[in-house]
Amino acid sequence: MKTDICTLDAATFANLQDWFGKTETLSDDIAAAPPRGLSATLVRDDAAPVPGTALPPLWH
């Protein structure tokens, strides 16, 4: 079995260190069809999504 070793140069590592302890949160509006389709695929009886409705956990 081959093992690949990944290395980072100092500049890349320094750039990544700038992110330690920080978070980024994004939000977006989506059409109702994808969550309705996933709900049907999972045989769930969810209410129809309306604008502002958050997706269930792990539906990202």
C-alpha atoms as a PDB file:
ATOM      1  CA  MET A   1       0.000   0.000   0.000  1.00  0.00           C
ATOM      2  CA  LYS A   2       1.320   3.435  -0.948  1.00  0.00           C
ATOM      3  CA  THR A   3       1.205   6.203   1.638  1.00  0.00           C
ATOM      4  CA  ASP A   4       1.203   9.763   0.374  1.00  0.00           C
ATOM      5  CA  ILE A   5       2.835  12.324   2.624  1.00  0.00           C
ATOM      6  CA  CYS A   6       1.490  15.841   2.347  1.00  0.00           C
ATOM      7  CA  THR A   7       3.815  18.705   3.233  1.00  0.00           C
ATOM      8  CA  LEU A   8       3.143  22.411   3.599  1.00  0.00           C
ATOM      9  CA  ASP A   9       5.561  25.204   2.967  1.00  0.00           C
ATOM     10  CA  ALA A  10       6.054  27.803   5.716  1.00  0.00           C
ATOM     11  CA  ALA A  11       3.956  30.486   3.997  1.00  0.00           C
ATOM     12  CA  THR A  12       0.969  28.155   3.548  1.00  0.00           C
ATOM     13  CA  PHE A  13       1.242  26.957   7.136  1.00  0.00           C
ATOM     14  CA  ALA A  14       1.388  30.545   8.413  1.00  0.00           C
ATOM     15  CA  ASN A  15      -1.727  31.385   6.386  1.00  0.00           C
ATOM     16  CA  LEU A  16      -3.568  28.415   7.877  1.00  0.00           C
ATOM     17  CA  GLN A  17      -2.511  29.416  11.396  1.00  0.00           C
ATOM     18  CA  ASP A  18      -4.334  32.719  10.903  1.00  0.00           C
ATOM     19  CA  TRP A  19      -7.584  30.689  10.863  1.00  0.00           C
ATOM     20  CA  PHE A  20      -6.998  28.927  14.208  1.00  0.00           C
ATOM     21  CA  GLY A  21      -9.760  29.879  16.652  1.00  0.00           C
ATOM     22  CA  LYS A  22     -11.882  31.575  13.993  1.00  0.00           C
ATOM     23  CA  THR A  23     -15.158  30.495  12.431  1.00  0.00           C
ATOM     24  CA  GLU A  24     -17.036  31.367   9.284  1.00  0.00           C
ATOM     25  CA  THR A  25     -20.806  31.175   8.939  1.00  0.00           C
ATOM     26  CA  LEU A  26     -22.587  31.418   5.609  1.00  0.00           C
ATOM     27  CA  SER A  27     -26.276  31.503   4.792  1.00  0.00           C
ATOM     28  CA  ASP A  28     -28.152  31.271   1.537  1.00  0.00           C
ATOM     29  CA  ASP A  29     -31.678  31.046   0.223  1.00  0.00           C
ATOM     30  CA  ILE A  30     -32.621  27.924  -1.716  1.00  0.00           C
ATOM     31  CA  ALA A  31     -35.674  26.886  -3.683  1.00  0.00           C
ATOM     32  CA  ALA A  32     -38.254  24.682  -1.962  1.00  0.00           C
ATOM     33  CA  ALA A  33     -37.866  21.805  -4.436  1.00  0.00           C
ATOM     34  CA  PRO A  34     -34.592  20.274  -3.142  1.00  0.00           C
ATOM     35  CA  PRO A  35     -35.692  19.940   0.506  1.00  0.00           C
ATOM     36  CA  ARG A  36     -39.133  18.712  -0.584  1.00  0.00           C
ATOM     37  CA  GLY A  37     -37.456  16.111  -2.795  1.00  0.00           C
ATOM     38  CA  LEU A  38     -35.121  14.944  -0.038  1.00  0.00           C
ATOM     39  CA  SER A  39     -38.028  14.759   2.382  1.00  0.00           C
ATOM     40  CA  ALA A  40     -39.916  12.562  -0.076  1.00  0.00           C
ATOM     41  CA  THR A  41     -36.835  10.411  -0.710  1.00  0.00           C
ATOM     42  CA  LEU A  42     -36.454   9.817   3.031  1.00  0.00           C
ATOM     43  CA  VAL A  43     -40.205   9.109   3.332  1.00  0.00           C
ATOM     44  CA  ARG A  44     -40.642  11.956   5.806  1.00  0.00           C
ATOM     45  CA  ASP A  45     -43.886  13.847   6.318  1.00  0.00           C
ATOM     46  CA  ASP A  46     -42.360  17.314   6.684  1.00  0.00           C
ATOM     47  CA  ALA A  47     -44.387  20.482   6.301  1.00  0.00           C
ATOM     48  CA  ALA A  48     -43.831  22.374   3.073  1.00  0.00           C
ATOM     49  CA  PRO A  49     -40.867  24.721   3.498  1.00  0.00           C
ATOM     50  CA  VAL A  50     -41.565  28.450   3.533  1.00  0.00           C
ATOM     51  CA  PRO A  51     -39.036  31.270   3.169  1.00  0.00           C
ATOM     52  CA  GLY A  52     -36.896  31.500   6.284  1.00  0.00           C
ATOM     53  CA  THR A  53     -37.367  27.869   7.287  1.00  0.00           C
ATOM     54  CA  ALA A  54     -34.076  26.321   8.387  1.00  0.00           C
ATOM     55  CA  LEU A  55     -33.100  22.953   6.951  1.00  0.00           C
ATOM     56  CA  PRO A  56     -33.055  19.987   9.336  1.00  0.00           C
ATOM     57  CA  PRO A  57     -29.617  19.070  10.726  1.00  0.00           C
ATOM     58  CA  LEU A  58     -27.213  17.508   8.208  1.00  0.00           C
ATOM     59  CA  TRP A  59     -29.300  18.522   5.156  1.00  0.00           C
ATOM     60  CA  HIS A  60     -26.495  20.805   3.930  1.00  0.00           C
END
